[in-house]
């Protein structure tokens, strides 16, 4: 099986005093505060699959769950069902 890389880009204007809620279990998380009112998140996925098409299907199922509200961005890992952690490394 080959490894395919996919990236989920998430952006939302939360304002200078906005709130970002990030809920992940990966140890490979880097958080950096910058000036401005935009929150930007890049979630990289390494997917083991037999084809690009299969990797795309897996990526569609494992993307981060995003909730954008006025002044708030919430990003969470999806509930894991069916052993997805065996196919995906974040």
PDB file of N, CA and C in Angstrom:
ATOM      1  N   UNK A   1       0.837  -1.176   0.000  1.00  0.00           N
ATOM      2  CA  UNK A   1       0.000   0.000   0.000  1.00  0.00           C
ATOM      3  C   UNK A   1       0.884   1.242   0.000  1.00  0.00           C
ATOM      4  N   UNK A   2       0.458   2.227  -0.732  1.00  0.00           N
ATOM      5  CA  UNK A   2       1.187   3.490  -0.812  1.00  0.00           C
ATOM      6  C   UNK A   2       0.664   4.464   0.247  1.00  0.00           C
ATOM      7  N   UNK A   3       1.435   5.510   0.483  1.00  0.00           N
ATOM      8  CA  UNK A   3       1.016   6.571   1.396  1.00  0.00           C
ATOM      9  C   UNK A   3       0.736   7.826   0.584  1.00  0.00           C
ATOM     10  N   UNK A   4      -0.434   8.398   0.798  1.00  0.00           N
ATOM     11  CA  UNK A   4      -0.866   9.604   0.102  1.00  0.00           C
ATOM     12  C   UNK A   4      -1.041  10.712   1.129  1.00  0.00           C
ATOM     13  N   UNK A   5      -0.653  11.915   0.778  1.00  0.00           N
ATOM     14  CA  UNK A   5      -0.752  13.053   1.687  1.00  0.00           C
ATOM     15  C   UNK A   5      -1.889  13.957   1.239  1.00  0.00           C
ATOM     16  N   UNK A   6      -2.722  14.327   2.199  1.00  0.00           N
ATOM     17  CA  UNK A   6      -3.814  15.261   1.956  1.00  0.00           C
ATOM     18  C   UNK A   6      -3.759  16.348   3.033  1.00  0.00           C
ATOM     19  N   UNK A   7      -4.163  17.575   2.688  1.00  0.00           N
ATOM     20  CA  UNK A   7      -4.163  18.688   3.633  1.00  0.00           C
ATOM     21  C   UNK A   7      -5.534  19.333   3.673  1.00  0.00           C
ATOM     22  N   UNK A   8      -6.032  19.540   4.876  1.00  0.00           N
ATOM     23  CA  UNK A   8      -7.285  20.258   5.086  1.00  0.00           C
ATOM     24  C   UNK A   8      -6.926  21.659   5.579  1.00  0.00           C
ATOM     25  N   UNK A   9      -7.298  22.679   4.828  1.00  0.00           N
ATOM     26  CA  UNK A   9      -7.039  24.067   5.200  1.00  0.00           C
ATOM     27  C   UNK A   9      -8.308  24.674   5.786  1.00  0.00           C
ATOM     28  N   UNK A  10      -8.172  25.253   6.977  1.00  0.00           N
ATOM     29  CA  UNK A  10      -9.317  25.840   7.675  1.00  0.00           C
ATOM     30  C   UNK A  10      -8.957  27.285   8.006  1.00  0.00           C
ATOM     31  N   UNK A  11      -9.815  28.217   7.614  1.00  0.00           N
ATOM     32  CA  UNK A  11      -9.606  29.632   7.924  1.00  0.00           C
ATOM     33  C   UNK A  11     -10.922  30.245   8.378  1.00  0.00           C
ATOM     34  N   UNK A  12     -10.810  31.154   9.361  1.00  0.00           N
ATOM     35  CA  UNK A  12     -12.006  31.836   9.856  1.00  0.00           C
ATOM     36  C   UNK A  12     -11.589  33.116  10.563  1.00  0.00           C
ATOM     37  N   UNK A  13     -12.288  34.193  10.301  1.00  0.00           N
ATOM     38  CA  UNK A  13     -12.011  35.462  10.978  1.00  0.00           C
ATOM     39  C   UNK A  13     -12.692  35.416  12.344  1.00  0.00           C
ATOM     40  N   UNK A  14     -11.870  35.443  13.407  1.00  0.00           N
ATOM     41  CA  UNK A  14     -12.409  35.410  14.767  1.00  0.00           C
ATOM     42  C   UNK A  14     -12.233  36.752  15.480  1.00  0.00           C
ATOM     43  N   UNK A  15     -11.455  37.640  14.893  1.00  0.00           N
ATOM     44  CA  UNK A  15     -11.223  38.940  15.512  1.00  0.00           C
ATOM     45  C   UNK A  15     -10.057  38.887  16.488  1.00  0.00           C
ATOM     46  N   UNK A  16      -9.605  40.057  16.906  1.00  0.00           N
ATOM     47  CA  UNK A  16      -8.426  40.154  17.782  1.00  0.00           C
ATOM     48  C   UNK A  16      -8.657  39.525  19.150  1.00  0.00           C
ATOM     49  N   UNK A  17      -9.890  39.460  19.614  1.00  0.00           N
ATOM     50  CA  UNK A  17     -10.164  38.856  20.920  1.00  0.00           C
ATOM     51  C   UNK A  17     -11.009  37.590  20.780  1.00  0.00           C
ATOM     52  N   UNK A  18     -10.950  36.962  19.602  1.00  0.00           N
ATOM     53  CA  UNK A  18     -11.731  35.747  19.345  1.00  0.00           C
ATOM     54  C   UNK A  18     -11.180  34.543  20.071  1.00  0.00           C
ATOM     55  N   UNK A  19     -11.847  33.414  19.880  1.00  0.00           N
ATOM     56  CA  UNK A  19     -11.478  32.182  20.580  1.00  0.00           C
ATOM     57  C   UNK A  19     -11.320  31.040  19.583  1.00  0.00           C
ATOM     58  N   UNK A  20     -10.250  30.276  19.761  1.00  0.00           N
ATOM     59  CA  UNK A  20     -10.005  29.061  18.985  1.00  0.00           C
ATOM     60  C   UNK A  20     -10.058  27.877  19.933  1.00  0.00           C
ATOM     61  N   UNK A  21     -10.950  26.927  19.648  1.00  0.00           N
ATOM     62  CA  UNK A  21     -11.021  25.683  20.405  1.00  0.00           C
ATOM     63  C   UNK A  21     -10.492  24.575  19.497  1.00  0.00           C
ATOM     64  N   UNK A  22      -9.382  23.967  19.889  1.00  0.00           N
ATOM     65  CA  UNK A  22      -8.754  22.914  19.092  1.00  0.00           C
ATOM     66  C   UNK A  22      -8.673  21.660  19.946  1.00  0.00           C
ATOM     67  N   UNK A  23      -9.324  20.592  19.487  1.00  0.00           N
ATOM     68  CA  UNK A  23      -9.376  19.350  20.253  1.00  0.00           C
ATOM     69  C   UNK A  23      -8.835  18.210  19.396  1.00  0.00           C
ATOM     70  N   UNK A  24      -7.574  17.835  19.657  1.00  0.00           N
ATOM     71  CA  UNK A  24      -6.927  16.749  18.922  1.00  0.00           C
ATOM     72  C   UNK A  24      -6.136  15.887  19.899  1.00  0.00           C
ATOM     73  N   UNK A  25      -5.843  14.671  19.490  1.00  0.00           N
ATOM     74  CA  UNK A  25      -5.068  13.772  20.346  1.00  0.00           C
ATOM     75  C   UNK A  25      -3.640  13.586  19.861  1.00  0.00           C
ATOM     76  N   UNK A  26      -3.314  14.133  18.711  1.00  0.00           N
ATOM     77  CA  UNK A  26      -1.980  13.973  18.149  1.00  0.00           C
ATOM     78  C   UNK A  26      -0.949  14.769  18.942  1.00  0.00           C
ATOM     79  N   UNK A  27       0.237  14.201  19.068  1.00  0.00           N
ATOM     80  CA  UNK A  27       1.337  14.902  19.723  1.00  0.00           C
ATOM     81  C   UNK A  27       2.042  15.852  18.765  1.00  0.00           C
ATOM     82  N   UNK A  28       1.690  15.833  17.510  1.00  0.00           N
ATOM     83  CA  UNK A  28       2.343  16.667  16.497  1.00  0.00           C
ATOM     84  C   UNK A  28       1.555  17.935  16.219  1.00  0.00           C
ATOM     85  N   UNK A  29       1.217  18.676  17.268  1.00  0.00           N
ATOM     86  CA  UNK A  29       0.448  19.898  17.122  1.00  0.00           C
ATOM     87  C   UNK A  29       1.345  21.080  17.468  1.00  0.00           C
ATOM     88  N   UNK A  30       1.333  22.084  16.608  1.00  0.00           N
ATOM     89  CA  UNK A  30       2.070  23.314  16.858  1.00  0.00           C
ATOM     90  C   UNK A  30       1.070  24.459  16.831  1.00  0.00           C
ATOM     91  N   UNK A  31       1.035  25.252  17.891  1.00  0.00           N
ATOM     92  CA  UNK A  31       0.141  26.405  17.958  1.00  0.00           C
ATOM     93  C   UNK A  31       1.010  27.652  18.056  1.00  0.00           C
ATOM     94  N   UNK A  32       0.700  28.629  17.210  1.00  0.00           N
ATOM     95  CA  UNK A  32       1.476  29.861  17.197  1.00  0.00           C
ATOM     96  C   UNK A  32       0.520  31.039  17.094  1.00  0.00           C
ATOM     97  N   UNK A  33       0.621  31.959  18.009  1.00  0.00           N
ATOM     98  CA  UNK A  33      -0.187  33.166  17.967  1.00  0.00           C
ATOM     99  C   UNK A  33       0.459  34.202  17.065  1.00  0.00           C
ATOM    100  N   UNK A  34      -0.356  34.863  16.268  1.00  0.00           N
ATOM    101  CA  UNK A  34       0.136  35.913  15.379  1.00  0.00           C
ATOM    102  C   UNK A  34      -0.811  37.102  15.465  1.00  0.00           C
ATOM    103  N   UNK A  35      -0.339  38.249  15.001  1.00  0.00           N
ATOM    104  CA  UNK A  35      -1.168  39.453  14.984  1.00  0.00           C
ATOM    105  C   UNK A  35      -2.289  39.304  13.967  1.00  0.00           C
ATOM    106  N   UNK A  36      -3.388  39.957  14.232  1.00  0.00           N
ATOM    107  CA  UNK A  36      -4.509  39.923  13.304  1.00  0.00           C
ATOM    108  C   UNK A  36      -5.673  39.138  13.859  1.00  0.00           C
ATOM    109  N   UNK A  37      -6.740  39.094  13.099  1.00  0.00           N
ATOM    110  CA  UNK A  37      -7.955  38.460  13.578  1.00  0.00           C
ATOM    111  C   UNK A  37      -8.358  37.193  12.853  1.00  0.00           C
ATOM    112  N   UNK A  38      -7.436  36.632  12.045  1.00  0.00           N
ATOM    113  CA  UNK A  38      -7.751  35.409  11.309  1.00  0.00           C
ATOM    114  C   UNK A  38      -7.127  34.193  11.985  1.00  0.00           C
ATOM    115  N   UNK A  39      -7.907  33.133  12.112  1.00  0.00           N
ATOM    116  CA  UNK A  39      -7.382  31.854  12.595  1.00  0.00           C
ATOM    117  C   UNK A  39      -7.159  30.970  11.373  1.00  0.00           C
ATOM    118  N   UNK A  40      -5.982  30.348  11.300  1.00  0.00           N
ATOM    119  CA  UNK A  40      -5.655  29.457  10.172  1.00  0.00           C
ATOM    120  C   UNK A  40      -5.127  28.146  10.729  1.00  0.00           C
ATOM    121  N   UNK A  41      -5.678  27.063  10.212  1.00  0.00           N
ATOM    122  CA  UNK A  41      -5.254  25.730  10.631  1.00  0.00           C
ATOM    123  C   UNK A  41      -4.995  24.895   9.386  1.00  0.00           C
ATOM    124  N   UNK A  42      -3.870  24.201   9.383  1.00  0.00           N
ATOM    125  CA  UNK A  42      -3.568  23.245   8.325  1.00  0.00           C
ATOM    126  C   UNK A  42      -3.454  21.869   8.955  1.00  0.00           C
ATOM    127  N   UNK A  43      -4.308  20.964   8.573  1.00  0.00           N
ATOM    128  CA  UNK A  43      -4.280  19.593   9.096  1.00  0.00           C
ATOM    129  C   UNK A  43      -3.758  18.685   7.986  1.00  0.00           C
ATOM    130  N   UNK A  44      -2.608  18.076   8.219  1.00  0.00           N
ATOM    131  CA  UNK A  44      -1.988  17.190   7.233  1.00  0.00           C
ATOM    132  C   UNK A  44      -2.288  15.738   7.579  1.00  0.00           C
ATOM    133  N   UNK A  45      -2.657  14.975   6.570  1.00  0.00           N
ATOM    134  CA  UNK A  45      -3.016  13.573   6.746  1.00  0.00           C
ATOM    135  C   UNK A  45      -2.137  12.708   5.854  1.00  0.00           C
ATOM    136  N   UNK A  46      -1.515  11.690   6.419  1.00  0.00           N
ATOM    137  CA  UNK A  46      -0.795  10.669   5.659  1.00  0.00           C
ATOM    138  C   UNK A  46      -1.700   9.444   5.621  1.00  0.00           C
ATOM    139  N   UNK A  47      -2.167   9.104   4.438  1.00  0.00           N
ATOM    140  CA  UNK A  47      -3.186   8.065   4.292  1.00  0.00           C
ATOM    141  C   UNK A  47      -2.609   6.875   3.551  1.00  0.00           C
ATOM    142  N   UNK A  48      -2.684   5.711   4.165  1.00  0.00           N
ATOM    143  CA  UNK A  48      -2.276   4.470   3.496  1.00  0.00           C
ATOM    144  C   UNK A  48      -3.455   3.951   2.687  1.00  0.00           C
ATOM    145  N   UNK A  49      -3.237   3.852   1.385  1.00  0.00           N
ATOM    146  CA  UNK A  49      -4.318   3.408   0.502  1.00  0.00           C
ATOM    147  C   UNK A  49      -3.712   2.779  -0.742  1.00  0.00           C
ATOM    148  N   UNK A  50      -4.543   2.064  -1.495  1.00  0.00           N
ATOM    149  CA  UNK A  50      -4.068   1.389  -2.698  1.00  0.00           C
ATOM    150  C   UNK A  50      -4.172   2.262  -3.947  1.00  0.00           C
ATOM    151  N   UNK A  51      -4.889   3.425  -3.846  1.00  0.00           N
ATOM    152  CA  UNK A  51      -5.036   4.295  -5.010  1.00  0.00           C
ATOM    153  C   UNK A  51      -5.356   5.715  -4.548  1.00  0.00           C
ATOM    154  N   UNK A  52      -5.212   6.670  -5.466  1.00  0.00           N
ATOM    155  CA  UNK A  52      -5.584   8.056  -5.183  1.00  0.00           C
ATOM    156  C   UNK A  52      -7.068   8.143  -4.824  1.00  0.00           C
ATOM    157  N   UNK A  53      -7.899   7.386  -5.542  1.00  0.00           N
ATOM    158  CA  UNK A  53      -9.340   7.417  -5.307  1.00  0.00           C
ATOM    159  C   UNK A  53      -9.678   6.916  -3.904  1.00  0.00           C
ATOM    160  N   UNK A  54      -9.022   5.846  -3.484  1.00  0.00           N
ATOM    161  CA  UNK A  54      -9.264   5.334  -2.135  1.00  0.00           C
ATOM    162  C   UNK A  54      -8.786   6.340  -1.094  1.00  0.00           C
ATOM    163  N   UNK A  55      -7.649   6.968  -1.329  1.00  0.00           N
ATOM    164  CA  UNK A  55      -7.136   7.988  -0.409  1.00  0.00           C
ATOM    165  C   UNK A  55      -8.114   9.153  -0.301  1.00  0.00           C
ATOM    166  N   UNK A  56      -8.703   9.561  -1.408  1.00  0.00           N
ATOM    167  CA  UNK A  56      -9.688  10.643  -1.394  1.00  0.00           C
ATOM    168  C   UNK A  56     -10.917  10.256  -0.567  1.00  0.00           C
ATOM    169  N   UNK A  57     -11.369   9.005  -0.694  1.00  0.00           N
ATOM    170  CA  UNK A  57     -12.536   8.543   0.080  1.00  0.00           C
ATOM    171  C   UNK A  57     -12.221   8.535   1.579  1.00  0.00           C
ATOM    172  N   UNK A  58     -11.043   8.042   1.940  1.00  0.00           N
ATOM    173  CA  UNK A  58     -10.644   8.022   3.348  1.00  0.00           C
ATOM    174  C   UNK A  58     -10.537   9.454   3.875  1.00  0.00           C
ATOM    175  N   UNK A  59      -9.900  10.333   3.101  1.00  0.00           N
ATOM    176  CA  UNK A  59      -9.738  11.729   3.508  1.00  0.00           C
ATOM    177  C   UNK A  59     -11.086  12.386   3.781  1.00  0.00           C
ATOM    178  N   UNK A  60     -12.072  12.108   2.939  1.00  0.00           N
ATOM    179  CA  UNK A  60     -13.413  12.674   3.136  1.00  0.00           C
ATOM    180  C   UNK A  60     -14.007  12.235   4.469  1.00  0.00           C
ATOM    181  N   UNK A  61     -13.669  11.035   4.929  1.00  0.00           N
ATOM    182  CA  UNK A  61     -14.215  10.500   6.179  1.00  0.00           C
ATOM    183  C   UNK A  61     -13.470  10.961   7.430  1.00  0.00           C
ATOM    184  N   UNK A  62     -12.203  11.356   7.310  1.00  0.00           N
ATOM    185  CA  UNK A  62     -11.394  11.623   8.498  1.00  0.00           C
ATOM    186  C   UNK A  62     -11.068  13.093   8.714  1.00  0.00           C
ATOM    187  N   UNK A  63     -11.592  13.967   7.860  1.00  0.00           N
ATOM    188  CA  UNK A  63     -11.291  15.385   8.027  1.00  0.00           C
ATOM    189  C   UNK A  63     -11.782  15.905   9.377  1.00  0.00           C
ATOM    190  N   UNK A  64     -11.134  16.974   9.822  1.00  0.00           N
ATOM    191  CA  UNK A  64     -11.500  17.604  11.075  1.00  0.00           C
ATOM    192  C   UNK A  64     -12.931  18.145  10.972  1.00  0.00           C
ATOM    193  N   UNK A  65     -13.636  18.121  12.089  1.00  0.00           N
ATOM    194  CA  UNK A  65     -14.988  18.664  12.171  1.00  0.00           C
ATOM    195  C   UNK A  65     -14.852  20.138  12.556  1.00  0.00           C
ATOM    196  N   UNK A  66     -15.436  21.018  11.754  1.00  0.00           N
ATOM    197  CA  UNK A  66     -15.242  22.458  11.917  1.00  0.00           C
ATOM    198  C   UNK A  66     -16.566  23.139  12.225  1.00  0.00           C
ATOM    199  N   UNK A  67     -16.541  24.020  13.245  1.00  0.00           N
ATOM    200  CA  UNK A  67     -17.699  24.841  13.589  1.00  0.00           C
ATOM    201  C   UNK A  67     -17.228  26.290  13.620  1.00  0.00           C
ATOM    202  N   UNK A  68     -17.756  27.106  12.694  1.00  0.00           N
ATOM    203  CA  UNK A  68     -17.395  28.524  12.598  1.00  0.00           C
ATOM    204  C   UNK A  68     -18.567  29.352  13.104  1.00  0.00           C
ATOM    205  N   UNK A  69     -18.286  30.156  14.115  1.00  0.00           N
ATOM    206  CA  UNK A  69     -19.298  31.070  14.656  1.00  0.00           C
ATOM    207  C   UNK A  69     -18.691  32.459  14.782  1.00  0.00           C
ATOM    208  N   UNK A  70     -19.508  33.425  15.088  1.00  0.00           N
ATOM    209  CA  UNK A  70     -19.034  34.794  15.239  1.00  0.00           C
ATOM    210  C   UNK A  70     -18.019  34.863  16.378  1.00  0.00           C
ATOM    211  N   UNK A  71     -16.748  35.113  16.032  1.00  0.00           N
ATOM    212  CA  UNK A  71     -15.698  35.242  17.036  1.00  0.00           C
ATOM    213  C   UNK A  71     -15.162  33.939  17.590  1.00  0.00           C
ATOM    214  N   UNK A  72     -15.606  32.797  17.058  1.00  0.00           N
ATOM    215  CA  UNK A  72     -15.182  31.493  17.594  1.00  0.00           C
ATOM    216  C   UNK A  72     -14.951  30.513  16.452  1.00  0.00           C
ATOM    217  N   UNK A  73     -13.860  29.766  16.549  1.00  0.00           N
ATOM    218  CA  UNK A  73     -13.591  28.653  15.636  1.00  0.00           C
ATOM    219  C   UNK A  73     -13.327  27.419  16.475  1.00  0.00           C
ATOM    220  N   UNK A  74     -14.097  26.362  16.246  1.00  0.00           N
ATOM    221  CA  UNK A  74     -13.910  25.091  16.942  1.00  0.00           C
ATOM    222  C   UNK A  74     -13.539  24.029  15.914  1.00  0.00           C
ATOM    223  N   UNK A  75     -12.431  23.322  16.185  1.00  0.00           N
ATOM    224  CA  UNK A  75     -11.943  22.274  15.288  1.00  0.00           C
ATOM    225  C   UNK A  75     -11.672  21.039  16.136  1.00  0.00           C
ATOM    226  N   UNK A  76     -12.272  19.909  15.745  1.00  0.00           N
ATOM    227  CA  UNK A  76     -12.144  18.669  16.504  1.00  0.00           C
ATOM    228  C   UNK A  76     -11.893  17.499  15.564  1.00  0.00           C
ATOM    229  N   UNK A  77     -11.261  16.474  16.106  1.00  0.00           N
ATOM    230  CA  UNK A  77     -11.132  15.236  15.357  1.00  0.00           C
ATOM    231  C   UNK A  77     -12.510  14.584  15.280  1.00  0.00           C
ATOM    232  N   UNK A  78     -12.802  13.899  14.182  1.00  0.00           N
ATOM    233  CA  UNK A  78     -14.086  13.186  14.103  1.00  0.00           C
ATOM    234  C   UNK A  78     -14.073  11.990  15.050  1.00  0.00           C
ATOM    235  N   UNK A  79     -15.267  11.517  15.388  1.00  0.00           N
ATOM    236  CA  UNK A  79     -15.347  10.274  16.148  1.00  0.00           C
ATOM    237  C   UNK A  79     -14.760   9.172  15.291  1.00  0.00           C
ATOM    238  N   UNK A  80     -13.901   8.358  15.890  1.00  0.00           N
ATOM    239  CA  UNK A  80     -13.267   7.297  15.108  1.00  0.00           C
ATOM    240  C   UNK A  80     -14.098   6.022  15.189  1.00  0.00           C
ATOM    241  N   UNK A  81     -14.519   5.574  14.018  1.00  0.00           N
ATOM    242  CA  UNK A  81     -15.278   4.325  13.903  1.00  0.00           C
ATOM    243  C   UNK A  81     -14.624   3.468  12.833  1.00  0.00           C
ATOM    244  N   UNK A  82     -14.648   2.196  13.003  1.00  0.00           N
ATOM    245  CA  UNK A  82     -14.169   1.303  11.966  1.00  0.00           C
ATOM    246  C   UNK A  82     -12.669   1.245  11.793  1.00  0.00           C
ATOM    247  N   UNK A  83     -11.909   1.583  12.838  1.00  0.00           N
ATOM    248  CA  UNK A  83     -10.467   1.431  12.766  1.00  0.00           C
ATOM    249  C   UNK A  83      -9.775   2.415  11.849  1.00  0.00           C
ATOM    250  N   UNK A  84     -10.285   3.609  11.708  1.00  0.00           N
ATOM    251  CA  UNK A  84      -9.658   4.592  10.830  1.00  0.00           C
ATOM    252  C   UNK A  84      -8.246   4.932  11.283  1.00  0.00           C
ATOM    253  N   UNK A  85      -7.981   4.851  12.585  1.00  0.00           N
ATOM    254  CA  UNK A  85      -6.644   5.201  13.057  1.00  0.00           C
ATOM    255  C   UNK A  85      -5.577   4.282  12.486  1.00  0.00           C
ATOM    256  N   UNK A  86      -5.959   3.098  12.067  1.00  0.00           N
ATOM    257  CA  UNK A  86      -5.013   2.173  11.456  1.00  0.00           C
ATOM    258  C   UNK A  86      -4.635   2.611  10.040  1.00  0.00           C
ATOM    259  N   UNK A  87      -5.520   3.368   9.382  1.00  0.00           N
ATOM    260  CA  UNK A  87      -5.257   3.784   8.000  1.00  0.00           C
ATOM    261  C   UNK A  87      -4.679   5.183   7.904  1.00  0.00           C
ATOM    262  N   UNK A  88      -4.872   5.997   8.934  1.00  0.00           N
ATOM    263  CA  UNK A  88      -4.509   7.411   8.832  1.00  0.00           C
ATOM    264  C   UNK A  88      -3.518   7.779   9.919  1.00  0.00           C
ATOM    265  N   UNK A  89      -2.508   8.531   9.545  1.00  0.00           N
ATOM    266  CA  UNK A  89      -1.597   9.127  10.516  1.00  0.00           C
ATOM    267  C   UNK A  89      -1.665  10.631  10.365  1.00  0.00           C
ATOM    268  N   UNK A  90      -1.809  11.328  11.479  1.00  0.00           N
ATOM    269  CA  UNK A  90      -1.895  12.794  11.395  1.00  0.00           C
ATOM    270  C   UNK A  90      -0.595  13.375  11.861  1.00  0.00           C
TER     271      UNK A  90
END
